[in-house]
C-alpha atoms as a PDB file:
ATOM      1  CA  MET A   1      25.792 -14.987   6.892  1.00  0.00           C
ATOM      2  CA  MET A   2      22.248 -13.774   7.541  1.00  0.00           C
ATOM      3  CA  VAL A   3      21.175 -14.499   3.973  1.00  0.00           C
ATOM      4  CA  GLY A   4      22.734 -17.952   4.134  1.00  0.00           C
ATOM      5  CA  LEU A   5      20.835 -18.773   7.321  1.00  0.00           C
ATOM      6  CA  ASN A   6      17.582 -18.097   5.434  1.00  0.00           C
ATOM      7  CA  GLN A   7      15.602 -16.849   8.436  1.00  0.00           C
ATOM      8  CA  ASN A   8      11.830 -16.579   8.382  1.00  0.00           C
ATOM      9  CA  LEU A   9      10.906 -12.939   9.024  1.00  0.00           C
ATOM     10  CA  VAL A  10       7.377 -13.700  10.187  1.00  0.00           C
ATOM     11  CA  LYS A  11       8.454 -13.560  13.860  1.00  0.00           C
ATOM     12  CA  ILE A  12      11.436 -12.307  15.798  1.00  0.00           C
ATOM     13  CA  GLU A  13      12.265 -15.761  17.193  1.00  0.00           C
ATOM     14  CA  THR A  14      13.174 -16.940  13.690  1.00  0.00           C
ATOM     15  CA  SER A  15      14.308 -13.664  12.159  1.00  0.00           C
ATOM     16  CA  LYS A  16      16.503 -12.433  15.011  1.00  0.00           C
ATOM     17  CA  ALA A  17      18.526  -9.435  13.790  1.00  0.00           C
ATOM     18  CA  PHE A  18      16.556  -9.232  10.571  1.00  0.00           C
ATOM     19  CA  THR A  19      13.470  -7.800  12.321  1.00  0.00           C
ATOM     20  CA  PRO A  20      15.153  -4.505  13.355  1.00  0.00           C
ATOM     21  CA  LEU A  21      17.047  -4.520  10.053  1.00  0.00           C
ATOM     22  CA  GLU A  22      13.785  -4.854   8.142  1.00  0.00           C
ATOM     23  CA  ARG A  23      12.257  -2.010  10.135  1.00  0.00           C
ATOM     24  CA  GLN A  24      15.320   0.117   9.450  1.00  0.00           C
ATOM     25  CA  VAL A  25      15.148  -0.434   5.685  1.00  0.00           C
ATOM     26  CA  ILE A  26      11.408   0.267   5.610  1.00  0.00           C
ATOM     27  CA  GLY A  27      12.128   3.482   7.512  1.00  0.00           C
ATOM     28  CA  MET A  28      14.680   4.445   4.868  1.00  0.00           C
ATOM     29  CA  MET A  29      12.182   3.847   2.086  1.00  0.00           C
ATOM     30  CA  HIS A  30       9.448   5.696   4.000  1.00  0.00           C
ATOM     31  CA  HIS A  31      11.789   8.684   4.298  1.00  0.00           C
ATOM     32  CA  LEU A  32      12.469   8.489   0.558  1.00  0.00           C
ATOM     33  CA  VAL A  33       8.728   8.836  -0.114  1.00  0.00           C
ATOM     34  CA  TYR A  34       7.500  11.059   2.704  1.00  0.00           C
ATOM     35  CA  GLY A  35      10.631  12.864   3.904  1.00  0.00           C
ATOM     36  CA  GLU A  36       9.663  13.026   7.577  1.00  0.00           C
ATOM     37  CA  GLY A  37      12.172  14.377  10.118  1.00  0.00           C
ATOM     38  CA  ASP A  38      14.443  12.462  12.490  1.00  0.00           C
ATOM     39  CA  SER A  39      12.025  12.787  15.418  1.00  0.00           C
ATOM     40  CA  PHE A  40       9.316  10.983  13.426  1.00  0.00           C
ATOM     41  CA  TYR A  41      11.505   7.962  12.778  1.00  0.00           C
ATOM     42  CA  LYS A  42      12.875   7.878  16.316  1.00  0.00           C
ATOM     43  CA  LYS A  43       9.310   7.641  17.558  1.00  0.00           C
ATOM     44  CA  TRP A  44       7.758   5.252  15.045  1.00  0.00           C
ATOM     45  CA  MET A  45      10.329   3.194  13.159  1.00  0.00           C
ATOM     46  CA  HIS A  46      10.922   0.602  15.879  1.00  0.00           C
ATOM     47  CA  SER A  47       7.611   0.947  17.714  1.00  0.00           C
ATOM     48  CA  ALA A  48       6.257  -2.503  18.553  1.00  0.00           C
ATOM     49  CA  ASN A  49       2.676  -1.302  18.019  1.00  0.00           C
ATOM     50  CA  HIS A  50       3.144   0.455  14.692  1.00  0.00           C
ATOM     51  CA  SER A  51       4.441  -0.167  11.205  1.00  0.00           C
ATOM     52  CA  LEU A  52       5.727   2.183   8.526  1.00  0.00           C
ATOM     53  CA  GLY A  53       5.281  -0.480   5.865  1.00  0.00           C
ATOM     54  CA  ALA A  54       5.834  -4.077   4.901  1.00  0.00           C
ATOM     55  CA  PHE A  55       8.077  -6.056   2.614  1.00  0.00           C
ATOM     56  CA  CYS A  56       6.201  -8.294   0.206  1.00  0.00           C
ATOM     57  CA  SER A  57       7.075 -10.856  -2.436  1.00  0.00           C
ATOM     58  CA  GLY A  58       6.139  -8.348  -5.142  1.00  0.00           C
ATOM     59  CA  GLY A  59       3.975  -5.450  -6.245  1.00  0.00           C
ATOM     60  CA  THR A  60       0.818  -7.552  -6.431  1.00  0.00           C
ATOM     61  CA  ILE A  61       0.869  -8.364  -2.717  1.00  0.00           C
ATOM     62  CA  ALA A  62       1.881  -4.778  -1.937  1.00  0.00           C
ATOM     63  CA  ASN A  63      -1.124  -3.395  -3.842  1.00  0.00           C
ATOM     64  CA  ILE A  64      -3.485  -5.914  -2.260  1.00  0.00           C
ATOM     65  CA  THR A  65      -2.164  -4.990   1.198  1.00  0.00           C
ATOM     66  CA  ALA A  66      -2.704  -1.262   0.601  1.00  0.00           C
ATOM     67  CA  LEU A  67      -6.273  -1.748  -0.645  1.00  0.00           C
ATOM     68  CA  TRP A  68      -7.008  -4.269   2.112  1.00  0.00           C
ATOM     69  CA  ILE A  69      -6.135  -1.547   4.606  1.00  0.00           C
ATOM     70  CA  ALA A  70      -8.259   0.959   2.684  1.00  0.00           C
ATOM     71  CA  ARG A  71     -11.285  -1.371   2.802  1.00  0.00           C
ATOM     72  CA  ASN A  72     -10.921  -2.201   6.484  1.00  0.00           C
ATOM     73  CA  ARG A  73     -10.422   1.433   7.498  1.00  0.00           C
ATOM     74  CA  LEU A  74     -13.486   2.501   5.512  1.00  0.00           C
ATOM     75  CA  LEU A  75     -15.702  -0.278   6.887  1.00  0.00           C
ATOM     76  CA  LYS A  76     -14.366  -0.016  10.425  1.00  0.00           C
ATOM     77  CA  ALA A  77     -15.999  -1.053  13.660  1.00  0.00           C
ATOM     78  CA  GLU A  78     -18.678   1.389  14.784  1.00  0.00           C
ATOM     79  CA  GLY A  79     -21.488   1.097  17.269  1.00  0.00           C
ATOM     80  CA  ASP A  80     -22.750  -2.501  17.309  1.00  0.00           C
ATOM     81  CA  PHE A  81     -20.882  -3.313  14.090  1.00  0.00           C
ATOM     82  CA  LYS A  82     -17.551  -5.069  14.731  1.00  0.00           C
ATOM     83  CA  GLY A  83     -15.937  -4.138  11.417  1.00  0.00           C
ATOM     84  CA  VAL A  84     -15.617  -5.831   8.037  1.00  0.00           C
ATOM     85  CA  ALA A  85     -12.672  -7.949   9.169  1.00  0.00           C
ATOM     86  CA  LYS A  86     -14.879  -9.699  11.728  1.00  0.00           C
ATOM     87  CA  GLU A  87     -18.374  -9.569  10.245  1.00  0.00           C
ATOM     88  CA  GLY A  88     -17.634  -9.717   6.523  1.00  0.00           C
ATOM     89  CA  LEU A  89     -18.389  -7.546   3.526  1.00  0.00           C
ATOM     90  CA  PHE A  90     -22.117  -8.337   3.290  1.00  0.00           C
ATOM     91  CA  ARG A  91     -22.849  -7.152   6.832  1.00  0.00           C
ATOM     92  CA  ALA A  92     -20.528  -4.175   6.391  1.00  0.00           C
ATOM     93  CA  MET A  93     -22.336  -2.962   3.286  1.00  0.00           C
ATOM     94  CA  LYS A  94     -25.675  -3.450   4.986  1.00  0.00           C
ATOM     95  CA  TYR A  95     -24.554  -1.518   8.067  1.00  0.00           C
ATOM     96  CA  TYR A  96     -23.088   1.423   6.144  1.00  0.00           C
ATOM     97  CA  GLY A  97     -25.837   1.437   3.526  1.00  0.00           C
ATOM     98  CA  TYR A  98     -23.639   1.333   0.425  1.00  0.00           C
ATOM     99  CA  GLU A  99     -24.754  -0.299  -2.811  1.00  0.00           C
ATOM    100  CA  GLY A 100     -21.151  -1.022  -3.705  1.00  0.00           C
ATOM    101  CA  LEU A 101     -17.524   0.027  -3.340  1.00  0.00           C
ATOM    102  CA  ALA A 102     -15.285   1.248  -6.151  1.00  0.00           C
ATOM    103  CA  ILE A 103     -11.610   1.772  -6.894  1.00  0.00           C
ATOM    104  CA  LEU A 104     -10.737   4.397  -9.517  1.00  0.00           C
ATOM    105  CA  VAL A 105      -7.534   4.041 -11.537  1.00  0.00           C
ATOM    106  CA  SER A 106      -6.096   4.915 -14.912  1.00  0.00           C
ATOM    107  CA  GLU A 107      -6.857   2.558 -17.792  1.00  0.00           C
ATOM    108  CA  ARG A 108      -3.113   1.915 -17.708  1.00  0.00           C
ATOM    109  CA  GLY A 109      -3.383   0.537 -14.164  1.00  0.00           C
ATOM    110  CA  HIS A 110      -1.632  -2.748 -13.421  1.00  0.00           C
ATOM    111  CA  TYR A 111      -3.593  -6.006 -13.619  1.00  0.00           C
ATOM    112  CA  SER A 112      -2.794  -6.746  -9.965  1.00  0.00           C
ATOM    113  CA  LEU A 113      -5.408  -4.163  -8.994  1.00  0.00           C
ATOM    114  CA  GLY A 114      -8.071  -6.367 -10.575  1.00  0.00           C
ATOM    115  CA  LYS A 115      -6.877  -9.229  -8.406  1.00  0.00           C
ATOM    116  CA  ALA A 116      -7.181  -6.991  -5.345  1.00  0.00           C
ATOM    117  CA  ALA A 117     -10.760  -6.005  -6.228  1.00  0.00           C
ATOM    118  CA  ASP A 118     -11.624  -9.687  -6.663  1.00  0.00           C
ATOM    119  CA  ILE A 119      -9.982 -10.910  -3.457  1.00  0.00           C
ATOM    120  CA  LEU A 120     -11.396  -8.090  -1.321  1.00  0.00           C
ATOM    121  CA  GLY A 121     -14.932  -8.868  -2.484  1.00  0.00           C
ATOM    122  CA  ILE A 122     -15.423  -5.565  -4.286  1.00  0.00           C
ATOM    123  CA  GLY A 123     -15.662  -7.150  -7.717  1.00  0.00           C
ATOM    124  CA  ARG A 124     -13.558  -6.565 -10.810  1.00  0.00           C
ATOM    125  CA  GLU A 125     -16.339  -4.518 -12.423  1.00  0.00           C
ATOM    126  CA  PHE A 126     -15.935  -1.970  -9.639  1.00  0.00           C
ATOM    127  CA  LEU A 127     -12.279  -1.441 -10.450  1.00  0.00           C
ATOM    128  CA  VAL A 128     -13.204   1.476 -12.680  1.00  0.00           C
ATOM    129  CA  PRO A 129     -10.735   2.349 -15.476  1.00  0.00           C
ATOM    130  CA  VAL A 130     -10.457   6.049 -16.263  1.00  0.00           C
ATOM    131  CA  LYS A 131      -9.359   7.322 -19.672  1.00  0.00           C
ATOM    132  CA  THR A 132      -5.896   8.757 -20.174  1.00  0.00           C
ATOM    133  CA  ASP A 133      -4.733  11.731 -22.215  1.00  0.00           C
ATOM    134  CA  ALA A 134      -2.322  11.753 -25.146  1.00  0.00           C
ATOM    135  CA  ASN A 135       0.570  11.352 -22.691  1.00  0.00           C
ATOM    136  CA  ASN A 136      -0.943   8.234 -21.085  1.00  0.00           C
ATOM    137  CA  LYS A 137      -1.698  10.118 -17.871  1.00  0.00           C
ATOM    138  CA  VAL A 138      -5.089   9.702 -16.252  1.00  0.00           C
ATOM    139  CA  GLN A 139      -7.591  12.496 -16.849  1.00  0.00           C
ATOM    140  CA  SER A 140      -8.332  13.772 -13.356  1.00  0.00           C
ATOM    141  CA  ALA A 141     -11.398  15.712 -14.545  1.00  0.00           C
ATOM    142  CA  GLU A 142     -12.844  12.485 -15.967  1.00  0.00           C
ATOM    143  CA  MET A 143     -12.100  10.696 -12.705  1.00  0.00           C
ATOM    144  CA  ARG A 144     -13.977  13.402 -10.814  1.00  0.00           C
ATOM    145  CA  ARG A 145     -16.956  13.035 -13.161  1.00  0.00           C
ATOM    146  CA  ILE A 146     -17.040   9.265 -12.684  1.00  0.00           C
ATOM    147  CA  SER A 147     -16.830   9.639  -8.912  1.00  0.00           C
ATOM    148  CA  ARG A 148     -19.938  11.834  -8.990  1.00  0.00           C
ATOM    149  CA  GLU A 149     -21.816   9.271 -11.061  1.00  0.00           C
ATOM    150  CA  LEU A 150     -20.890   6.542  -8.594  1.00  0.00           C
ATOM    151  CA  ASN A 151     -21.969   8.689  -5.670  1.00  0.00           C
ATOM    152  CA  ASP A 152     -25.368   9.231  -7.302  1.00  0.00           C
ATOM    153  CA  LYS A 153     -25.729   5.425  -7.397  1.00  0.00           C
ATOM    154  CA  ASN A 154     -24.767   5.171  -3.709  1.00  0.00           C
ATOM    155  CA  ILE A 155     -21.488   3.483  -4.621  1.00  0.00           C
ATOM    156  CA  LYS A 156     -18.699   4.613  -2.319  1.00  0.00           C
ATOM    157  CA  VAL A 157     -15.284   5.325  -3.815  1.00  0.00           C
ATOM    158  CA  MET A 158     -13.062   3.323  -1.503  1.00  0.00           C
ATOM    159  CA  ALA A 159      -9.750   4.306  -3.064  1.00  0.00           C
ATOM    160  CA  ILE A 160      -8.135   6.286  -5.827  1.00  0.00           C
ATOM    161  CA  VAL A 161      -4.985   4.759  -7.292  1.00  0.00           C
ATOM    162  CA  GLY A 162      -2.383   6.940  -8.965  1.00  0.00           C
ATOM    163  CA  VAL A 163       0.132   5.250 -11.239  1.00  0.00           C
ATOM    164  CA  ALA A 164       3.720   6.434 -10.903  1.00  0.00           C
ATOM    165  CA  GLY A 165       5.294   4.819 -13.924  1.00  0.00           C
ATOM    166  CA  THR A 166       2.861   2.789 -16.004  1.00  0.00           C
ATOM    167  CA  THR A 167       4.144  -0.655 -16.973  1.00  0.00           C
ATOM    168  CA  GLU A 168       3.564  -0.078 -20.690  1.00  0.00           C
ATOM    169  CA  THR A 169       4.696   3.529 -21.102  1.00  0.00           C
ATOM    170  CA  GLY A 170       6.391   4.720 -17.899  1.00  0.00           C
ATOM    171  CA  ASN A 171       4.156   7.797 -17.561  1.00  0.00           C
ATOM    172  CA  VAL A 172       3.239   9.268 -14.182  1.00  0.00           C
ATOM    173  CA  ASP A 173      -0.291  10.374 -13.314  1.00  0.00           C
ATOM    174  CA  PRO A 174      -0.934  13.923 -11.983  1.00  0.00           C
ATOM    175  CA  LEU A 175      -0.541  12.799  -8.374  1.00  0.00           C
ATOM    176  CA  ASN A 176      -1.324  16.147  -6.753  1.00  0.00           C
ATOM    177  CA  ASP A 177      -4.633  16.380  -8.635  1.00  0.00           C
ATOM    178  CA  LEU A 178      -5.543  12.854  -7.554  1.00  0.00           C
ATOM    179  CA  ALA A 179      -4.585  13.636  -3.951  1.00  0.00           C
ATOM    180  CA  ASP A 180      -6.922  16.644  -4.056  1.00  0.00           C
ATOM    181  CA  LEU A 181      -9.769  14.497  -5.368  1.00  0.00           C
ATOM    182  CA  ALA A 182      -9.167  11.801  -2.748  1.00  0.00           C
ATOM    183  CA  ALA A 183      -9.335  14.481  -0.047  1.00  0.00           C
ATOM    184  CA  GLU A 184     -12.619  15.768  -1.481  1.00  0.00           C
ATOM    185  CA  LEU A 185     -14.103  12.268  -1.532  1.00  0.00           C
ATOM    186  CA  GLY A 186     -12.687  11.283   1.848  1.00  0.00           C
ATOM    187  CA  CYS A 187     -11.134   8.129   0.420  1.00  0.00           C
ATOM    188  CA  HIS A 188      -7.807   6.329   0.498  1.00  0.00           C
ATOM    189  CA  PHE A 189      -5.148   7.554  -1.934  1.00  0.00           C
ATOM    190  CA  HIS A 190      -2.747   4.832  -3.050  1.00  0.00           C
ATOM    191  CA  VAL A 191       0.142   5.265  -5.477  1.00  0.00           C
ATOM    192  CA  ASP A 192       1.335   2.264  -7.438  1.00  0.00           C
ATOM    193  CA  ALA A 193       4.988   3.172  -7.977  1.00  0.00           C
ATOM    194  CA  ALA A 194       6.106  -0.426  -8.434  1.00  0.00           C
ATOM    195  CA  TRP A 195       7.875   0.468 -11.649  1.00  0.00           C
ATOM    196  CA  GLY A 196       8.693   4.154 -11.204  1.00  0.00           C
ATOM    197  CA  GLY A 197       9.344   4.412  -7.468  1.00  0.00           C
ATOM    198  CA  ALA A 198      13.101   4.155  -7.929  1.00  0.00           C
ATOM    199  CA  THR A 199      12.941   7.607  -9.549  1.00  0.00           C
ATOM    200  CA  LEU A 200      12.815   8.981  -6.000  1.00  0.00           C
ATOM    201  CA  LEU A 201      16.501   8.054  -5.691  1.00  0.00           C
ATOM    202  CA  SER A 202      17.356  10.564  -8.402  1.00  0.00           C
ATOM    203  CA  ASP A 203      17.831  14.201  -7.373  1.00  0.00           C
ATOM    204  CA  LYS A 204      17.436  15.142 -11.040  1.00  0.00           C
ATOM    205  CA  TYR A 205      14.160  13.332 -11.739  1.00  0.00           C
ATOM    206  CA  ARG A 206      12.357  12.821  -8.447  1.00  0.00           C
ATOM    207  CA  HIS A 207      10.245  15.900  -9.205  1.00  0.00           C
ATOM    208  CA  LEU A 208       8.374  13.743 -11.731  1.00  0.00           C
ATOM    209  CA  LEU A 209       6.706  12.006  -8.769  1.00  0.00           C
ATOM    210  CA  LYS A 210       5.630  15.227  -7.091  1.00  0.00           C
ATOM    211  CA  GLY A 211       2.571  14.579  -4.960  1.00  0.00           C
ATOM    212  CA  ILE A 212       3.524  11.023  -4.019  1.00  0.00           C
ATOM    213  CA  GLU A 213       4.230  12.278  -0.498  1.00  0.00           C
ATOM    214  CA  ARG A 214       0.474  12.915  -0.119  1.00  0.00           C
ATOM    215  CA  ALA A 215      -0.435   9.262  -0.674  1.00  0.00           C
ATOM    216  CA  ASP A 216      -1.804   7.156   2.189  1.00  0.00           C
ATOM    217  CA  SER A 217       0.189   4.209   0.846  1.00  0.00           C
ATOM    218  CA  VAL A 218       2.798   3.599  -1.842  1.00  0.00           C
ATOM    219  CA  THR A 219       3.942   0.421  -3.601  1.00  0.00           C
ATOM    220  CA  ILE A 220       7.557   0.124  -4.772  1.00  0.00           C
ATOM    221  CA  ASP A 221       9.220  -2.902  -6.366  1.00  0.00           C
ATOM    222  CA  ALA A 222      12.929  -3.061  -5.617  1.00  0.00           C
ATOM    223  CA  HIS A 223      13.352  -5.935  -8.071  1.00  0.00           C
ATOM    224  CA  LYS A 224      12.612  -3.585 -10.938  1.00  0.00           C
ATOM    225  CA  GLN A 225      14.708  -0.441 -11.267  1.00  0.00           C
ATOM    226  CA  MET A 226      16.624  -1.015  -8.039  1.00  0.00           C
ATOM    227  CA  TYR A 227      18.092  -4.122  -9.642  1.00  0.00           C
ATOM    228  CA  VAL A 228      17.948  -6.570  -6.747  1.00  0.00           C
ATOM    229  CA  PRO A 229      16.790 -10.229  -6.898  1.00  0.00           C
ATOM    230  CA  MET A 230      13.173 -11.156  -7.543  1.00  0.00           C
ATOM    231  CA  GLY A 231      10.761 -11.146  -4.660  1.00  0.00           C
ATOM    232  CA  ALA A 232      11.528  -7.682  -3.305  1.00  0.00           C
ATOM    233  CA  GLY A 233       8.388  -5.568  -3.221  1.00  0.00           C
ATOM    234  CA  MET A 234       7.176  -3.253  -0.495  1.00  0.00           C
ATOM    235  CA  VAL A 235       4.335  -1.033   0.594  1.00  0.00           C
ATOM    236  CA  VAL A 236       4.862   1.975   2.851  1.00  0.00           C
ATOM    237  CA  PHE A 237       2.165   3.753   4.852  1.00  0.00           C
ATOM    238  CA  LYS A 238       1.993   7.492   5.481  1.00  0.00           C
ATOM    239  CA  HIS A 239       0.465   6.978   8.921  1.00  0.00           C
ATOM    240  CA  PRO A 240       2.156   4.564  11.366  1.00  0.00           C
ATOM    241  CA  SER A 241      -1.242   3.327  12.577  1.00  0.00           C
ATOM    242  CA  SER A 242      -2.616   2.402   9.128  1.00  0.00           C
ATOM    243  CA  ALA A 243      -1.724  -1.288   9.387  1.00  0.00           C
ATOM    244  CA  HIS A 244      -3.754  -1.632  12.607  1.00  0.00           C
ATOM    245  CA  ALA A 245      -6.675  -2.247  10.251  1.00  0.00           C
ATOM    246  CA  ILE A 246      -5.244  -5.633   9.204  1.00  0.00           C
ATOM    247  CA  GLU A 247      -3.362  -6.596  12.362  1.00  0.00           C
ATOM    248  CA  HIS A 248      -3.544 -10.221  13.476  1.00  0.00           C
ATOM    249  CA  HIS A 249      -2.063 -12.194  16.380  1.00  0.00           C
ATOM    250  CA  ALA A 250      -1.655 -15.733  17.654  1.00  0.00           C
ATOM    251  CA  GLU A 251      -0.332 -17.020  20.962  1.00  0.00           C
ATOM    252  CA  TYR A 252       2.451 -19.147  19.492  1.00  0.00           C
ATOM    253  CA  ILE A 253       3.537 -16.462  16.995  1.00  0.00           C
ATOM    254  CA  LEU A 254       3.061 -12.732  16.393  1.00  0.00           C
ATOM    255  CA  ARG A 255       2.253 -11.986  20.018  1.00  0.00           C
ATOM    256  CA  LYS A 256       0.970  -8.567  20.991  1.00  0.00           C
ATOM    257  CA  GLY A 257       3.788  -6.228  21.978  1.00  0.00           C
ATOM    258  CA  SER A 258       6.337  -7.979  19.780  1.00  0.00           C
ATOM    259  CA  LYS A 259       8.130  -6.042  17.042  1.00  0.00           C
ATOM    260  CA  ASP A 260       7.273  -8.723  14.491  1.00  0.00           C
ATOM    261  CA  LEU A 261       6.158  -7.124  11.229  1.00  0.00           C
ATOM    262  CA  GLY A 262       4.508 -10.398  10.250  1.00  0.00           C
ATOM    263  CA  SER A 263       1.511  -9.374  12.359  1.00  0.00           C
ATOM    264  CA  GLN A 264       0.690  -6.725   9.767  1.00  0.00           C
ATOM    265  CA  THR A 265       1.398  -8.555   6.521  1.00  0.00           C
ATOM    266  CA  LEU A 266      -0.644 -10.758   4.209  1.00  0.00           C
ATOM    267  CA  GLU A 267       2.127 -13.321   3.811  1.00  0.00           C
ATOM    268  CA  GLY A 268       3.272 -15.584   6.633  1.00  0.00           C
ATOM    269  CA  SER A 269       6.720 -17.039   5.983  1.00  0.00           C
ATOM    270  CA  ARG A 270       8.748 -14.228   4.465  1.00  0.00           C
ATOM    271  CA  LEU A 271      12.249 -14.846   3.168  1.00  0.00           C
ATOM    272  CA  VAL A 272      12.875 -13.585  -0.300  1.00  0.00           C
ATOM    273  CA  TRP A 273      13.728  -9.918   0.265  1.00  0.00           C
ATOM    274  CA  GLN A 274      16.692 -10.580   2.555  1.00  0.00           C
ATOM    275  CA  CYS A 275      19.144  -9.715  -0.220  1.00  0.00           C
ATOM    276  CA  TRP A 276      17.306  -6.416  -0.674  1.00  0.00           C
ATOM    277  CA  CYS A 277      17.584  -5.680   3.048  1.00  0.00           C
ATOM    278  CA  MET A 278      21.297  -6.352   2.990  1.00  0.00           C
ATOM    279  CA  LEU A 279      21.832  -4.265  -0.135  1.00  0.00           C
ATOM    280  CA  ALA A 280      19.824  -1.318   1.146  1.00  0.00           C
ATOM    281  CA  CYS A 281      21.721  -1.234   4.437  1.00  0.00           C
ATOM    282  CA  ARG A 282      25.219  -1.440   2.990  1.00  0.00           C
END
């Protein structure tokens, strides 16, 4: 019945029961990635002022959302500067004194990351591809070397992206090594598990994604190996406050204090993952 009614999940007035259902499913997927305890989800899953993630129309929007958050958290409001979201990238770079921002990812990284670099104003040339080894896994030592070169040029590494299941070969990057490097650099660690994230459902093979629980954000596409209809992507955030960096409100919709998840998503009208919600909650 809920699918047939085709509710718009952007706000609770149009979504009705789907808003808590959406939060519940995101909580389930967050637990699959991060494995937090019951008390964590009791506190944060249905908090009106926090979000554990967002459903998106696909992995592209999920990746853009994660890197959007990374950019806004890096270039946050400070002193007289109101933050990149309000003053724009030019003023942000001038305030923080960077010559550029960079995203480091395997040369097997998905093309959607190039779109993200373009849209966020970073530039496609600063989505830096890093060579892979014979097993199509990114060379973490090479990534560390490149990060040092960028630092010498006063280019800040905004995010490191680990690939958990490359589109061409299915290989998984050494996620723990990348998490260590991200911690050293003080940057956002995102894992693009659009293709391979479903491996977490397997007790036998989930060890292949070891280290994913250290990511600040993770993309998973349910319309790939979870075999649900198209238009079912998601991004989950390790920290419930991460999406504050992209939060937006309006008086007629997405009011402050509402549990609407549309206030922390790139897309407005959101319909297409309802089948995924229903399937996941069966």
